[in-house]
ModelCIF file with pLDDT and N, C-alpha, C, O atoms, coordinates in Angstrom:
data_MODEL
#
_entry.id   MODEL 
#
_entity.id                         1 
_entity.type                       polymer 
_entity.pdbx_number_of_molecules   1 
#
_entity_poly.entity_id                      1 
_entity_poly.type                           'polypeptide(L)' 
_entity_poly.nstd_linkage                   no 
_entity_poly.nstd_monomer                   no 
_entity_poly.pdbx_seq_one_letter_code       
;(UNK)(UNK)(UNK)(UNK)(UNK)(UNK)(UNK)(UNK)(UNK)(UNK)(UNK)(UNK)(UNK)(UNK)(UNK)(UNK)
(UNK)(UNK)(UNK)(UNK)(UNK)(UNK)(UNK)(UNK)(UNK)(UNK)(UNK)(UNK)(UNK)(UNK)(UNK)(UNK)
(UNK)(UNK)(UNK)(UNK)(UNK)(UNK)(UNK)(UNK)(UNK)(UNK)(UNK)(UNK)(UNK)(UNK)(UNK)(UNK)
;
_entity_poly.pdbx_seq_one_letter_code_can   XXXXXXXXXXXXXXXXXXXXXXXXXXXXXXXXXXXXXXXXXXXXXXXX 
_entity_poly.pdbx_strand_id                 A 
#
loop_
_entity_poly_seq.entity_id 
_entity_poly_seq.num 
_entity_poly_seq.mon_id 
_entity_poly_seq.hetero 
1 1  UNK n 
1 2  UNK n 
1 3  UNK n 
1 4  UNK n 
1 5  UNK n 
1 6  UNK n 
1 7  UNK n 
1 8  UNK n 
1 9  UNK n 
1 10 UNK n 
1 11 UNK n 
1 12 UNK n 
1 13 UNK n 
1 14 UNK n 
1 15 UNK n 
1 16 UNK n 
1 17 UNK n 
1 18 UNK n 
1 19 UNK n 
1 20 UNK n 
1 21 UNK n 
1 22 UNK n 
1 23 UNK n 
1 24 UNK n 
1 25 UNK n 
1 26 UNK n 
1 27 UNK n 
1 28 UNK n 
1 29 UNK n 
1 30 UNK n 
1 31 UNK n 
1 32 UNK n 
1 33 UNK n 
1 34 UNK n 
1 35 UNK n 
1 36 UNK n 
1 37 UNK n 
1 38 UNK n 
1 39 UNK n 
1 40 UNK n 
1 41 UNK n 
1 42 UNK n 
1 43 UNK n 
1 44 UNK n 
1 45 UNK n 
1 46 UNK n 
1 47 UNK n 
1 48 UNK n 
#
_struct_asym.id          A 
_struct_asym.entity_id   1 
#
loop_
_ma_qa_metric.id 
_ma_qa_metric.mode 
_ma_qa_metric.name 
_ma_qa_metric.software_group_id 
_ma_qa_metric.type 
1 global pLDDT . pLDDT 
2 local  pLDDT . pLDDT 
#
_ma_qa_metric_global.metric_id      1 
_ma_qa_metric_global.metric_value   82.40 
_ma_qa_metric_global.model_id       1 
_ma_qa_metric_global.ordinal_id     1 
#
loop_
_ma_qa_metric_local.label_asym_id 
_ma_qa_metric_local.label_comp_id 
_ma_qa_metric_local.label_seq_id 
_ma_qa_metric_local.metric_id 
_ma_qa_metric_local.metric_value 
_ma_qa_metric_local.model_id 
_ma_qa_metric_local.ordinal_id 
A UNK 1  2 85.00 1 1  
A UNK 2  2 81.00 1 2  
A UNK 3  2 83.00 1 3  
A UNK 4  2 86.00 1 4  
A UNK 5  2 83.00 1 5  
A UNK 6  2 83.00 1 6  
A UNK 7  2 87.00 1 7  
A UNK 8  2 87.00 1 8  
A UNK 9  2 81.00 1 9  
A UNK 10 2 83.00 1 10 
A UNK 11 2 85.00 1 11 
A UNK 12 2 88.00 1 12 
A UNK 13 2 89.00 1 13 
A UNK 14 2 90.00 1 14 
A UNK 15 2 85.00 1 15 
A UNK 16 2 87.00 1 16 
A UNK 17 2 84.00 1 17 
A UNK 18 2 82.00 1 18 
A UNK 19 2 81.00 1 19 
A UNK 20 2 72.00 1 20 
A UNK 21 2 70.00 1 21 
A UNK 22 2 62.00 1 22 
A UNK 23 2 57.00 1 23 
A UNK 24 2 52.00 1 24 
A UNK 25 2 56.00 1 25 
A UNK 26 2 57.00 1 26 
A UNK 27 2 58.00 1 27 
A UNK 28 2 68.00 1 28 
A UNK 29 2 78.00 1 29 
A UNK 30 2 85.00 1 30 
A UNK 31 2 88.00 1 31 
A UNK 32 2 88.00 1 32 
A UNK 33 2 89.00 1 33 
A UNK 34 2 91.00 1 34 
A UNK 35 2 92.00 1 35 
A UNK 36 2 93.00 1 36 
A UNK 37 2 91.00 1 37 
A UNK 38 2 92.00 1 38 
A UNK 39 2 93.00 1 39 
A UNK 40 2 92.00 1 40 
A UNK 41 2 90.00 1 41 
A UNK 42 2 91.00 1 42 
A UNK 43 2 93.00 1 43 
A UNK 44 2 91.00 1 44 
A UNK 45 2 89.00 1 45 
A UNK 46 2 90.00 1 46 
A UNK 47 2 89.00 1 47 
A UNK 48 2 88.00 1 48 
#
loop_
_atom_site.group_PDB 
_atom_site.id 
_atom_site.type_symbol 
_atom_site.label_atom_id 
_atom_site.label_alt_id 
_atom_site.label_comp_id 
_atom_site.label_asym_id 
_atom_site.label_entity_id 
_atom_site.label_seq_id 
_atom_site.pdbx_PDB_ins_code 
_atom_site.Cartn_x 
_atom_site.Cartn_y 
_atom_site.Cartn_z 
_atom_site.occupancy 
_atom_site.B_iso_or_equiv 
_atom_site.pdbx_formal_charge 
_atom_site.auth_seq_id 
_atom_site.auth_comp_id 
_atom_site.auth_asym_id 
_atom_site.auth_atom_id 
_atom_site.pdbx_PDB_model_num 
ATOM 1   N N  . UNK A 1 1  ? -20.203 104.793 31.445 1.00 85.00 ? 1  UNK A N  1 
ATOM 2   C CA . UNK A 1 1  ? -19.486 105.234 32.645 1.00 85.00 ? 1  UNK A CA 1 
ATOM 3   C C  . UNK A 1 1  ? -18.286 104.322 32.921 1.00 85.00 ? 1  UNK A C  1 
ATOM 4   O O  . UNK A 1 1  ? -17.186 104.803 33.193 1.00 85.00 ? 1  UNK A O  1 
ATOM 5   N N  . UNK A 1 2  ? -18.503 103.014 32.849 1.00 81.00 ? 2  UNK A N  1 
ATOM 6   C CA . UNK A 1 2  ? -17.422 102.066 33.120 1.00 81.00 ? 2  UNK A CA 1 
ATOM 7   C C  . UNK A 1 2  ? -16.312 102.187 32.080 1.00 81.00 ? 2  UNK A C  1 
ATOM 8   O O  . UNK A 1 2  ? -15.129 102.139 32.417 1.00 81.00 ? 2  UNK A O  1 
ATOM 9   N N  . UNK A 1 3  ? -16.701 102.344 30.811 1.00 83.00 ? 3  UNK A N  1 
ATOM 10  C CA . UNK A 1 3  ? -15.706 102.480 29.752 1.00 83.00 ? 3  UNK A CA 1 
ATOM 11  C C  . UNK A 1 3  ? -14.880 103.748 29.946 1.00 83.00 ? 3  UNK A C  1 
ATOM 12  O O  . UNK A 1 3  ? -13.664 103.733 29.753 1.00 83.00 ? 3  UNK A O  1 
ATOM 13  N N  . UNK A 1 4  ? -15.534 104.842 30.327 1.00 86.00 ? 4  UNK A N  1 
ATOM 14  C CA . UNK A 1 4  ? -14.821 106.098 30.553 1.00 86.00 ? 4  UNK A CA 1 
ATOM 15  C C  . UNK A 1 4  ? -13.841 105.963 31.715 1.00 86.00 ? 4  UNK A C  1 
ATOM 16  O O  . UNK A 1 4  ? -12.712 106.445 31.633 1.00 86.00 ? 4  UNK A O  1 
ATOM 17  N N  . UNK A 1 5  ? -14.267 105.310 32.796 1.00 83.00 ? 5  UNK A N  1 
ATOM 18  C CA . UNK A 1 5  ? -13.366 105.135 33.942 1.00 83.00 ? 5  UNK A CA 1 
ATOM 19  C C  . UNK A 1 5  ? -12.151 104.305 33.551 1.00 83.00 ? 5  UNK A C  1 
ATOM 20  O O  . UNK A 1 5  ? -11.026 104.645 33.919 1.00 83.00 ? 5  UNK A O  1 
ATOM 21  N N  . UNK A 1 6  ? -12.365 103.213 32.803 1.00 83.00 ? 6  UNK A N  1 
ATOM 22  C CA . UNK A 1 6  ? -11.237 102.388 32.382 1.00 83.00 ? 6  UNK A CA 1 
ATOM 23  C C  . UNK A 1 6  ? -10.299 103.168 31.468 1.00 83.00 ? 6  UNK A C  1 
ATOM 24  O O  . UNK A 1 6  ? -9.079  103.033 31.568 1.00 83.00 ? 6  UNK A O  1 
ATOM 25  N N  . UNK A 1 7  ? -10.868 103.995 30.567 1.00 87.00 ? 7  UNK A N  1 
ATOM 26  C CA . UNK A 1 7  ? -10.037 104.794 29.667 1.00 87.00 ? 7  UNK A CA 1 
ATOM 27  C C  . UNK A 1 7  ? -9.208  105.812 30.447 1.00 87.00 ? 7  UNK A C  1 
ATOM 28  O O  . UNK A 1 7  ? -8.045  106.049 30.120 1.00 87.00 ? 7  UNK A O  1 
ATOM 29  N N  . UNK A 1 8  ? -9.801  106.411 31.471 1.00 87.00 ? 8  UNK A N  1 
ATOM 30  C CA . UNK A 1 8  ? -9.061  107.354 32.321 1.00 87.00 ? 8  UNK A CA 1 
ATOM 31  C C  . UNK A 1 8  ? -7.926  106.623 33.035 1.00 87.00 ? 8  UNK A C  1 
ATOM 32  O O  . UNK A 1 8  ? -6.796  107.108 33.081 1.00 87.00 ? 8  UNK A O  1 
ATOM 33  N N  . UNK A 1 9  ? -8.235  105.466 33.582 1.00 81.00 ? 9  UNK A N  1 
ATOM 34  C CA . UNK A 1 9  ? -7.237  104.703 34.314 1.00 81.00 ? 9  UNK A CA 1 
ATOM 35  C C  . UNK A 1 9  ? -6.060  104.300 33.422 1.00 81.00 ? 9  UNK A C  1 
ATOM 36  O O  . UNK A 1 9  ? -4.918  104.248 33.877 1.00 81.00 ? 9  UNK A O  1 
ATOM 37  N N  . UNK A 1 10 ? -6.347  104.018 32.161 1.00 83.00 ? 10 UNK A N  1 
ATOM 38  C CA . UNK A 1 10 ? -5.301  103.598 31.233 1.00 83.00 ? 10 UNK A CA 1 
ATOM 39  C C  . UNK A 1 10 ? -4.608  104.777 30.566 1.00 83.00 ? 10 UNK A C  1 
ATOM 40  O O  . UNK A 1 10 ? -3.775  104.589 29.680 1.00 83.00 ? 10 UNK A O  1 
ATOM 41  N N  . UNK A 1 11 ? -4.945  105.990 30.985 1.00 85.00 ? 11 UNK A N  1 
ATOM 42  C CA . UNK A 1 11 ? -4.266  107.166 30.470 1.00 85.00 ? 11 UNK A CA 1 
ATOM 43  C C  . UNK A 1 11 ? -4.744  107.617 29.109 1.00 85.00 ? 11 UNK A C  1 
ATOM 44  O O  . UNK A 1 11 ? -4.015  108.317 28.406 1.00 85.00 ? 11 UNK A O  1 
ATOM 45  N N  . UNK A 1 12 ? -5.960  107.233 28.712 1.00 88.00 ? 12 UNK A N  1 
ATOM 46  C CA . UNK A 1 12 ? -6.476  107.593 27.396 1.00 88.00 ? 12 UNK A CA 1 
ATOM 47  C C  . UNK A 1 12 ? -7.377  108.818 27.427 1.00 88.00 ? 12 UNK A C  1 
ATOM 48  O O  . UNK A 1 12 ? -7.672  109.393 26.380 1.00 88.00 ? 12 UNK A O  1 
ATOM 49  N N  . UNK A 1 13 ? -7.811  109.219 28.598 1.00 89.00 ? 13 UNK A N  1 
ATOM 50  C CA . UNK A 1 13 ? -8.672  110.394 28.755 1.00 89.00 ? 13 UNK A CA 1 
ATOM 51  C C  . UNK A 1 13 ? -8.201  111.198 29.963 1.00 89.00 ? 13 UNK A C  1 
ATOM 52  O O  . UNK A 1 13 ? -7.603  110.641 30.883 1.00 89.00 ? 13 UNK A O  1 
ATOM 53  N N  . UNK A 1 14 ? -8.466  112.500 29.965 1.00 90.00 ? 14 UNK A N  1 
ATOM 54  C CA . UNK A 1 14 ? -8.114  113.312 31.139 1.00 90.00 ? 14 UNK A CA 1 
ATOM 55  C C  . UNK A 1 14 ? -8.995  112.952 32.331 1.00 90.00 ? 14 UNK A C  1 
ATOM 56  O O  . UNK A 1 14 ? -10.011 112.271 32.192 1.00 90.00 ? 14 UNK A O  1 
ATOM 57  N N  . UNK A 1 15 ? -8.582  113.427 33.509 1.00 85.00 ? 15 UNK A N  1 
ATOM 58  C CA . UNK A 1 15 ? -9.354  113.159 34.720 1.00 85.00 ? 15 UNK A CA 1 
ATOM 59  C C  . UNK A 1 15 ? -10.774 113.693 34.591 1.00 85.00 ? 15 UNK A C  1 
ATOM 60  O O  . UNK A 1 15 ? -11.003 114.780 34.061 1.00 85.00 ? 15 UNK A O  1 
ATOM 61  N N  . UNK A 1 16 ? -11.715 112.909 35.084 1.00 87.00 ? 16 UNK A N  1 
ATOM 62  C CA . UNK A 1 16 ? -13.100 113.357 35.218 1.00 87.00 ? 16 UNK A CA 1 
ATOM 63  C C  . UNK A 1 16 ? -13.584 112.974 36.611 1.00 87.00 ? 16 UNK A C  1 
ATOM 64  O O  . UNK A 1 16 ? -13.175 111.954 37.164 1.00 87.00 ? 16 UNK A O  1 
ATOM 65  N N  . UNK A 1 17 ? -14.444 113.789 37.160 1.00 84.00 ? 17 UNK A N  1 
ATOM 66  C CA . UNK A 1 17 ? -14.941 113.528 38.509 1.00 84.00 ? 17 UNK A CA 1 
ATOM 67  C C  . UNK A 1 17 ? -15.847 112.297 38.483 1.00 84.00 ? 17 UNK A C  1 
ATOM 68  O O  . UNK A 1 17 ? -16.833 112.249 37.749 1.00 84.00 ? 17 UNK A O  1 
ATOM 69  N N  . UNK A 1 18 ? -15.494 111.312 39.292 1.00 82.00 ? 18 UNK A N  1 
ATOM 70  C CA . UNK A 1 18 ? -16.244 110.060 39.367 1.00 82.00 ? 18 UNK A CA 1 
ATOM 71  C C  . UNK A 1 18 ? -16.834 109.918 40.762 1.00 82.00 ? 18 UNK A C  1 
ATOM 72  O O  . UNK A 1 18 ? -16.133 110.052 41.765 1.00 82.00 ? 18 UNK A O  1 
ATOM 73  N N  . UNK A 1 19 ? -18.102 109.651 40.807 1.00 81.00 ? 19 UNK A N  1 
ATOM 74  C CA . UNK A 1 19 ? -18.767 109.533 42.110 1.00 81.00 ? 19 UNK A CA 1 
ATOM 75  C C  . UNK A 1 19 ? -19.437 108.166 42.223 1.00 81.00 ? 19 UNK A C  1 
ATOM 76  O O  . UNK A 1 19 ? -20.148 107.734 41.315 1.00 81.00 ? 19 UNK A O  1 
ATOM 77  N N  . UNK A 1 20 ? -19.203 107.501 43.336 1.00 72.00 ? 20 UNK A N  1 
ATOM 78  C CA . UNK A 1 20 ? -19.867 106.227 43.590 1.00 72.00 ? 20 UNK A CA 1 
ATOM 79  C C  . UNK A 1 20 ? -21.293 106.491 44.067 1.00 72.00 ? 20 UNK A C  1 
ATOM 80  O O  . UNK A 1 20 ? -21.530 107.341 44.925 1.00 72.00 ? 20 UNK A O  1 
ATOM 81  N N  . UNK A 1 21 ? -22.234 105.747 43.495 1.00 70.00 ? 21 UNK A N  1 
ATOM 82  C CA . UNK A 1 21 ? -23.633 105.905 43.886 1.00 70.00 ? 21 UNK A CA 1 
ATOM 83  C C  . UNK A 1 21 ? -24.091 104.789 44.818 1.00 70.00 ? 21 UNK A C  1 
ATOM 84  O O  . UNK A 1 21 ? -25.242 104.771 45.256 1.00 70.00 ? 21 UNK A O  1 
ATOM 85  N N  . UNK A 1 22 ? -23.189 103.859 45.119 1.00 62.00 ? 22 UNK A N  1 
ATOM 86  C CA . UNK A 1 22 ? -23.485 102.793 46.084 1.00 62.00 ? 22 UNK A CA 1 
ATOM 87  C C  . UNK A 1 22 ? -22.200 102.503 46.846 1.00 62.00 ? 22 UNK A C  1 
ATOM 88  O O  . UNK A 1 22 ? -21.136 102.368 46.241 1.00 62.00 ? 22 UNK A O  1 
ATOM 89  N N  . UNK A 1 23 ? -22.291 102.407 48.159 1.00 57.00 ? 23 UNK A N  1 
ATOM 90  C CA . UNK A 1 23 ? -21.102 102.229 48.988 1.00 57.00 ? 23 UNK A CA 1 
ATOM 91  C C  . UNK A 1 23 ? -20.591 100.795 49.000 1.00 57.00 ? 23 UNK A C  1 
ATOM 92  O O  . UNK A 1 23 ? -19.494 100.534 49.492 1.00 57.00 ? 23 UNK A O  1 
ATOM 93  N N  . UNK A 1 24 ? -21.381 99.856  48.460 1.00 52.00 ? 24 UNK A N  1 
ATOM 94  C CA . UNK A 1 24 ? -20.959 98.461  48.511 1.00 52.00 ? 24 UNK A CA 1 
ATOM 95  C C  . UNK A 1 24 ? -20.790 97.842  47.133 1.00 52.00 ? 24 UNK A C  1 
ATOM 96  O O  . UNK A 1 24 ? -20.610 96.629  47.022 1.00 52.00 ? 24 UNK A O  1 
ATOM 97  N N  . UNK A 1 25 ? -20.846 98.660  46.069 1.00 56.00 ? 25 UNK A N  1 
ATOM 98  C CA . UNK A 1 25 ? -20.680 98.140  44.718 1.00 56.00 ? 25 UNK A CA 1 
ATOM 99  C C  . UNK A 1 25 ? -19.756 99.054  43.933 1.00 56.00 ? 25 UNK A C  1 
ATOM 100 O O  . UNK A 1 25 ? -20.070 100.225 43.718 1.00 56.00 ? 25 UNK A O  1 
ATOM 101 N N  . UNK A 1 26 ? -18.605 98.519  43.500 1.00 57.00 ? 26 UNK A N  1 
ATOM 102 C CA . UNK A 1 26 ? -17.641 99.340  42.772 1.00 57.00 ? 26 UNK A CA 1 
ATOM 103 C C  . UNK A 1 26 ? -18.129 99.708  41.386 1.00 57.00 ? 26 UNK A C  1 
ATOM 104 O O  . UNK A 1 26 ? -17.695 100.716 40.829 1.00 57.00 ? 26 UNK A O  1 
ATOM 105 N N  . UNK A 1 27 ? -19.040 98.897  40.806 1.00 58.00 ? 27 UNK A N  1 
ATOM 106 C CA . UNK A 1 27 ? -19.473 99.161  39.439 1.00 58.00 ? 27 UNK A CA 1 
ATOM 107 C C  . UNK A 1 27 ? -20.497 100.261 39.303 1.00 58.00 ? 27 UNK A C  1 
ATOM 108 O O  . UNK A 1 27 ? -20.718 100.764 38.202 1.00 58.00 ? 27 UNK A O  1 
ATOM 109 N N  . UNK A 1 28 ? -21.130 100.647 40.402 1.00 68.00 ? 28 UNK A N  1 
ATOM 110 C CA . UNK A 1 28 ? -22.170 101.673 40.318 1.00 68.00 ? 28 UNK A CA 1 
ATOM 111 C C  . UNK A 1 28 ? -21.532 103.042 40.517 1.00 68.00 ? 28 UNK A C  1 
ATOM 112 O O  . UNK A 1 28 ? -21.314 103.492 41.642 1.00 68.00 ? 28 UNK A O  1 
ATOM 113 N N  . UNK A 1 29 ? -21.240 103.688 39.398 1.00 78.00 ? 29 UNK A N  1 
ATOM 114 C CA . UNK A 1 29 ? -20.577 104.985 39.417 1.00 78.00 ? 29 UNK A CA 1 
ATOM 115 C C  . UNK A 1 29 ? -21.351 105.971 38.567 1.00 78.00 ? 29 UNK A C  1 
ATOM 116 O O  . UNK A 1 29 ? -22.217 105.596 37.776 1.00 78.00 ? 29 UNK A O  1 
ATOM 117 N N  . UNK A 1 30 ? -21.022 107.230 38.745 1.00 85.00 ? 30 UNK A N  1 
ATOM 118 C CA . UNK A 1 30 ? -21.661 108.305 37.983 1.00 85.00 ? 30 UNK A CA 1 
ATOM 119 C C  . UNK A 1 30 ? -20.596 109.300 37.562 1.00 85.00 ? 30 UNK A C  1 
ATOM 120 O O  . UNK A 1 30 ? -19.832 109.788 38.394 1.00 85.00 ? 30 UNK A O  1 
ATOM 121 N N  . UNK A 1 31 ? -20.544 109.602 36.272 1.00 88.00 ? 31 UNK A N  1 
ATOM 122 C CA . UNK A 1 31 ? -19.613 110.592 35.741 1.00 88.00 ? 31 UNK A CA 1 
ATOM 123 C C  . UNK A 1 31 ? -20.444 111.667 35.065 1.00 88.00 ? 31 UNK A C  1 
ATOM 124 O O  . UNK A 1 31 ? -20.971 111.461 33.972 1.00 88.00 ? 31 UNK A O  1 
ATOM 125 N N  . UNK A 1 32 ? -20.559 112.805 35.714 1.00 88.00 ? 32 UNK A N  1 
ATOM 126 C CA . UNK A 1 32 ? -21.445 113.857 35.241 1.00 88.00 ? 32 UNK A CA 1 
ATOM 127 C C  . UNK A 1 32 ? -21.125 114.317 33.834 1.00 88.00 ? 32 UNK A C  1 
ATOM 128 O O  . UNK A 1 32 ? -22.037 114.501 33.028 1.00 88.00 ? 32 UNK A O  1 
ATOM 129 N N  . UNK A 1 33 ? -19.844 114.508 33.516 1.00 89.00 ? 33 UNK A N  1 
ATOM 130 C CA . UNK A 1 33 ? -19.469 114.992 32.195 1.00 89.00 ? 33 UNK A CA 1 
ATOM 131 C C  . UNK A 1 33 ? -19.939 114.036 31.105 1.00 89.00 ? 33 UNK A C  1 
ATOM 132 O O  . UNK A 1 33 ? -20.456 114.469 30.075 1.00 89.00 ? 33 UNK A O  1 
ATOM 133 N N  . UNK A 1 34 ? -19.758 112.736 31.332 1.00 91.00 ? 34 UNK A N  1 
ATOM 134 C CA . UNK A 1 34 ? -20.195 111.736 30.356 1.00 91.00 ? 34 UNK A CA 1 
ATOM 135 C C  . UNK A 1 34 ? -21.718 111.720 30.264 1.00 91.00 ? 34 UNK A C  1 
ATOM 136 O O  . UNK A 1 34 ? -22.273 111.643 29.168 1.00 91.00 ? 34 UNK A O  1 
ATOM 137 N N  . UNK A 1 35 ? -22.390 111.792 31.400 1.00 92.00 ? 35 UNK A N  1 
ATOM 138 C CA . UNK A 1 35 ? -23.851 111.724 31.436 1.00 92.00 ? 35 UNK A CA 1 
ATOM 139 C C  . UNK A 1 35 ? -24.493 112.842 30.617 1.00 92.00 ? 35 UNK A C  1 
ATOM 140 O O  . UNK A 1 35 ? -25.372 112.587 29.793 1.00 92.00 ? 35 UNK A O  1 
ATOM 141 N N  . UNK A 1 36 ? -24.054 114.077 30.843 1.00 93.00 ? 36 UNK A N  1 
ATOM 142 C CA . UNK A 1 36 ? -24.720 115.205 30.184 1.00 93.00 ? 36 UNK A CA 1 
ATOM 143 C C  . UNK A 1 36 ? -24.354 115.297 28.703 1.00 93.00 ? 36 UNK A C  1 
ATOM 144 O O  . UNK A 1 36 ? -25.186 115.688 27.885 1.00 93.00 ? 36 UNK A O  1 
ATOM 145 N N  . UNK A 1 37 ? -23.118 114.941 28.351 1.00 91.00 ? 37 UNK A N  1 
ATOM 146 C CA . UNK A 1 37 ? -22.767 114.915 26.929 1.00 91.00 ? 37 UNK A CA 1 
ATOM 147 C C  . UNK A 1 37 ? -23.556 113.829 26.197 1.00 91.00 ? 37 UNK A C  1 
ATOM 148 O O  . UNK A 1 37 ? -24.013 114.028 25.072 1.00 91.00 ? 37 UNK A O  1 
ATOM 149 N N  . UNK A 1 38 ? -23.704 112.697 26.846 1.00 92.00 ? 38 UNK A N  1 
ATOM 150 C CA . UNK A 1 38 ? -24.466 111.607 26.240 1.00 92.00 ? 38 UNK A CA 1 
ATOM 151 C C  . UNK A 1 38 ? -25.933 111.983 26.097 1.00 92.00 ? 38 UNK A C  1 
ATOM 152 O O  . UNK A 1 38 ? -26.546 111.690 25.071 1.00 92.00 ? 38 UNK A O  1 
ATOM 153 N N  . UNK A 1 39 ? -26.508 112.629 27.111 1.00 93.00 ? 39 UNK A N  1 
ATOM 154 C CA . UNK A 1 39 ? -27.903 113.053 27.030 1.00 93.00 ? 39 UNK A CA 1 
ATOM 155 C C  . UNK A 1 39 ? -28.118 114.035 25.885 1.00 93.00 ? 39 UNK A C  1 
ATOM 156 O O  . UNK A 1 39 ? -29.097 113.926 25.148 1.00 93.00 ? 39 UNK A O  1 
ATOM 157 N N  . UNK A 1 40 ? -27.209 114.993 25.732 1.00 92.00 ? 40 UNK A N  1 
ATOM 158 C CA . UNK A 1 40 ? -27.331 115.967 24.646 1.00 92.00 ? 40 UNK A CA 1 
ATOM 159 C C  . UNK A 1 40 ? -27.301 115.267 23.293 1.00 92.00 ? 40 UNK A C  1 
ATOM 160 O O  . UNK A 1 40 ? -28.075 115.601 22.396 1.00 92.00 ? 40 UNK A O  1 
ATOM 161 N N  . UNK A 1 41 ? -26.404 114.295 23.149 1.00 90.00 ? 41 UNK A N  1 
ATOM 162 C CA . UNK A 1 41 ? -26.321 113.569 21.889 1.00 90.00 ? 41 UNK A CA 1 
ATOM 163 C C  . UNK A 1 41 ? -27.557 112.739 21.610 1.00 90.00 ? 41 UNK A C  1 
ATOM 164 O O  . UNK A 1 41 ? -28.038 112.709 20.478 1.00 90.00 ? 41 UNK A O  1 
ATOM 165 N N  . UNK A 1 42 ? -28.078 112.065 22.624 1.00 91.00 ? 42 UNK A N  1 
ATOM 166 C CA . UNK A 1 42 ? -29.263 111.223 22.454 1.00 91.00 ? 42 UNK A CA 1 
ATOM 167 C C  . UNK A 1 42 ? -30.481 112.065 22.075 1.00 91.00 ? 42 UNK A C  1 
ATOM 168 O O  . UNK A 1 42 ? -31.207 111.713 21.145 1.00 91.00 ? 42 UNK A O  1 
ATOM 169 N N  . UNK A 1 43 ? -30.711 113.154 22.773 1.00 93.00 ? 43 UNK A N  1 
ATOM 170 C CA . UNK A 1 43 ? -31.865 114.010 22.467 1.00 93.00 ? 43 UNK A CA 1 
ATOM 171 C C  . UNK A 1 43 ? -31.746 114.624 21.077 1.00 93.00 ? 43 UNK A C  1 
ATOM 172 O O  . UNK A 1 43 ? -32.742 114.761 20.365 1.00 93.00 ? 43 UNK A O  1 
ATOM 173 N N  . UNK A 1 44 ? -30.527 114.993 20.692 1.00 91.00 ? 44 UNK A N  1 
ATOM 174 C CA . UNK A 1 44 ? -30.344 115.536 19.343 1.00 91.00 ? 44 UNK A CA 1 
ATOM 175 C C  . UNK A 1 44 ? -30.697 114.486 18.291 1.00 91.00 ? 44 UNK A C  1 
ATOM 176 O O  . UNK A 1 44 ? -31.329 114.804 17.284 1.00 91.00 ? 44 UNK A O  1 
ATOM 177 N N  . UNK A 1 45 ? -30.291 113.243 18.521 1.00 89.00 ? 45 UNK A N  1 
ATOM 178 C CA . UNK A 1 45 ? -30.607 112.173 17.571 1.00 89.00 ? 45 UNK A CA 1 
ATOM 179 C C  . UNK A 1 45 ? -32.114 111.953 17.464 1.00 89.00 ? 45 UNK A C  1 
ATOM 180 O O  . UNK A 1 45 ? -32.643 111.771 16.368 1.00 89.00 ? 45 UNK A O  1 
ATOM 181 N N  . UNK A 1 46 ? -32.802 111.970 18.608 1.00 90.00 ? 46 UNK A N  1 
ATOM 182 C CA . UNK A 1 46 ? -34.256 111.778 18.602 1.00 90.00 ? 46 UNK A CA 1 
ATOM 183 C C  . UNK A 1 46 ? -34.944 112.873 17.805 1.00 90.00 ? 46 UNK A C  1 
ATOM 184 O O  . UNK A 1 46 ? -35.819 112.591 16.986 1.00 90.00 ? 46 UNK A O  1 
ATOM 185 N N  . UNK A 1 47 ? -34.555 114.121 18.039 1.00 89.00 ? 47 UNK A N  1 
ATOM 186 C CA . UNK A 1 47 ? -35.207 115.239 17.368 1.00 89.00 ? 47 UNK A CA 1 
ATOM 187 C C  . UNK A 1 47 ? -34.793 115.352 15.904 1.00 89.00 ? 47 UNK A C  1 
ATOM 188 O O  . UNK A 1 47 ? -35.569 115.828 15.076 1.00 89.00 ? 47 UNK A O  1 
ATOM 189 N N  . UNK A 1 48 ? -33.579 114.919 15.581 1.00 88.00 ? 48 UNK A N  1 
ATOM 190 C CA . UNK A 1 48 ? -33.108 115.033 14.200 1.00 88.00 ? 48 UNK A CA 1 
ATOM 191 C C  . UNK A 1 48 ? -33.669 113.937 13.309 1.00 88.00 ? 48 UNK A C  1 
ATOM 192 O O  . UNK A 1 48 ? -33.366 113.896 12.116 1.00 88.00 ? 48 UNK A O  1 
#
């Protein structure tokens, strides 16, 4: 999540919706697109 946000900020990736999951910590973020793509890849690796 942090790497994706930095890449977006540096103009290396298109905008993605970023949501903070804690109001007092900037590092706790959630990016749905990254989360679900990563989950699909991880489960495929486990089953393959």
